[in-house]
Amino acid sequence: MAYKAWESRRRLREYLVAKVGGSSVEKLLALLIESGAIYSAIWLVVVIFQVGEYKYFNTSDSISRKEYHFLYIFSLIMDV
């Protein structure tokens, strides 16, 4: 397992420093998109929003000012 991790890290490093195919930032963003990291992060934010909305509308607990601002701003984004 350690060898596979080392080999994967070595290949990733070679991919990021290769001169073909764009800048390092473009390669890193492509890697994140292909791996699903950005997709997963977006869904994590959506789930947090849904939980916060449920807490706000369906319980008698009060929410903090930061939670309220997050829900307000994200609801504007979701309505677009």
Protein backbone atom coordinates (compact mmCIF):
# COMPACT_ATOMS: atom_id res chain seq x y z
CA MET A 1 0.00 0.00 0.00
CA ALA A 2 2.85 2.41 0.81
CA TYR A 3 4.39 1.69 -2.59
CA LYS A 4 1.10 2.48 -4.35
CA ALA A 5 0.79 5.76 -2.45
CA TRP A 6 4.39 6.69 -3.29
CA GLU A 7 3.88 5.78 -6.96
CA SER A 8 0.66 7.79 -7.15
CA ARG A 9 2.32 10.82 -5.54
CA ARG A 10 5.25 10.55 -7.96
CA ARG A 11 2.92 10.41 -10.98
CA LEU A 12 0.92 13.37 -9.68
CA ARG A 13 4.09 15.42 -9.22
CA GLU A 14 5.24 14.55 -12.75
CA TYR A 15 1.83 15.52 -14.14
CA LEU A 16 1.83 18.89 -12.37
CA VAL A 17 5.37 19.88 -13.42
CA ALA A 18 5.09 18.69 -17.04
CA LYS A 19 5.42 21.52 -19.56
CA VAL A 20 2.67 20.19 -21.85
CA GLY A 21 -0.99 21.05 -21.40
CA GLY A 22 -1.21 24.38 -19.55
CA SER A 23 -0.09 25.89 -16.30
CA SER A 24 0.20 24.10 -12.98
CA VAL A 25 -2.96 25.82 -11.75
CA GLU A 26 -4.94 24.60 -14.77
CA LYS A 27 -3.65 21.08 -14.22
CA LEU A 28 -4.53 21.18 -10.52
CA LEU A 29 -8.05 22.45 -11.25
CA ALA A 30 -8.49 19.77 -13.90
CA LEU A 31 -7.38 17.15 -11.41
CA LEU A 32 -9.83 18.44 -8.78
CA ILE A 33 -12.68 18.43 -11.27
CA GLU A 34 -11.86 14.97 -12.56
CA SER A 35 -11.55 13.55 -9.06
CA GLY A 36 -14.92 14.92 -8.03
CA ALA A 37 -13.54 17.06 -5.20
CA ILE A 38 -15.29 20.22 -6.35
CA TYR A 39 -18.53 18.32 -6.95
CA SER A 40 -18.38 16.85 -3.45
CA ALA A 41 -17.60 20.24 -1.90
CA ILE A 42 -20.61 21.82 -3.60
CA TRP A 43 -22.88 19.05 -2.34
CA LEU A 44 -21.47 19.45 1.17
CA VAL A 45 -22.45 23.13 1.14
CA VAL A 46 -25.93 22.24 -0.16
CA VAL A 47 -26.42 19.66 2.61
CA ILE A 48 -25.29 22.15 5.26
CA PHE A 49 -27.76 24.65 3.83
CA GLN A 50 -30.60 22.13 3.93
CA VAL A 51 -29.84 21.15 7.54
CA GLY A 52 -29.69 24.79 8.55
CA GLU A 53 -32.97 25.55 6.81
CA TYR A 54 -34.62 22.58 8.51
CA LYS A 55 -33.33 23.74 11.89
CA TYR A 56 -34.52 27.30 11.24
CA PHE A 57 -38.04 26.45 10.05
CA ASN A 58 -38.87 23.24 11.94
CA THR A 59 -37.51 23.66 15.45
CA SER A 60 -37.99 26.17 18.21
CA ASP A 61 -34.20 26.57 18.61
CA SER A 62 -32.84 29.94 17.69
CA ILE A 63 -29.97 30.15 15.23
CA SER A 64 -26.91 32.33 15.48
CA ARG A 65 -26.46 35.50 13.46
CA LYS A 66 -23.78 33.80 11.31
CA GLU A 67 -26.11 30.89 10.55
CA TYR A 68 -28.87 33.32 9.59
CA HIS A 69 -26.56 35.23 7.22
CA PHE A 70 -25.33 31.99 5.64
CA LEU A 71 -28.90 30.81 5.07
CA TYR A 72 -29.93 34.19 3.67
CA ILE A 73 -27.01 34.53 1.24
CA PHE A 74 -27.10 30.91 0.11
CA SER A 75 -30.87 31.04 -0.41
CA LEU A 76 -30.33 33.99 -2.75
CA ILE A 77 -27.79 31.93 -4.69
CA MET A 78 -30.09 28.89 -4.81
CA ASP A 79 -33.02 30.98 -6.10
CA VAL A 80 -31.07 32.26 -9.11
